[in-house]
Amino acid sequence: MSVGFYFAFGHSTIVFIAAFVAYWTASVAERNFEFLKNIGGIVSTCISAFFLFAIALINILILRGVYRAFRTNYMVNCLAAGIPALAICINLVQTGCNWFEPFMFSVCYM
């Protein structure tokens, strides 16, 4: 027997006990706090929506940074390598952002 076996056995035991405590707590709460179901549904939906909007905002900020890096480095490299057609396409995409200005302000204008 090695340390890995004892670690795995101890970890799975703790996880099993935590799952049992969570089940027992939920079953007691379900019987005694019926009125909390409606409130819990509303609160959990609001928390989920907030989390999804936060993740969306983080993704937009990451996309913005990637686009900035792409725009500055890749376009310069295309022109230096003698690929003006690709640089022209990048410029067209960049000016195409003007059409979606109300929706994509943070992504198009960096």
Foldseek 3Di string as FASTA:
>chain_A
DDPVVVVVVVVVVVVVVVVVVVVVVVVVCVVPPVVCPVVVVVVVVVVVVVVVVVVVVVVLVVLQVVVVCCLVPVLVVCVVVPNVVVNVVVVVVLVVVVVVCVPNVSNNPD
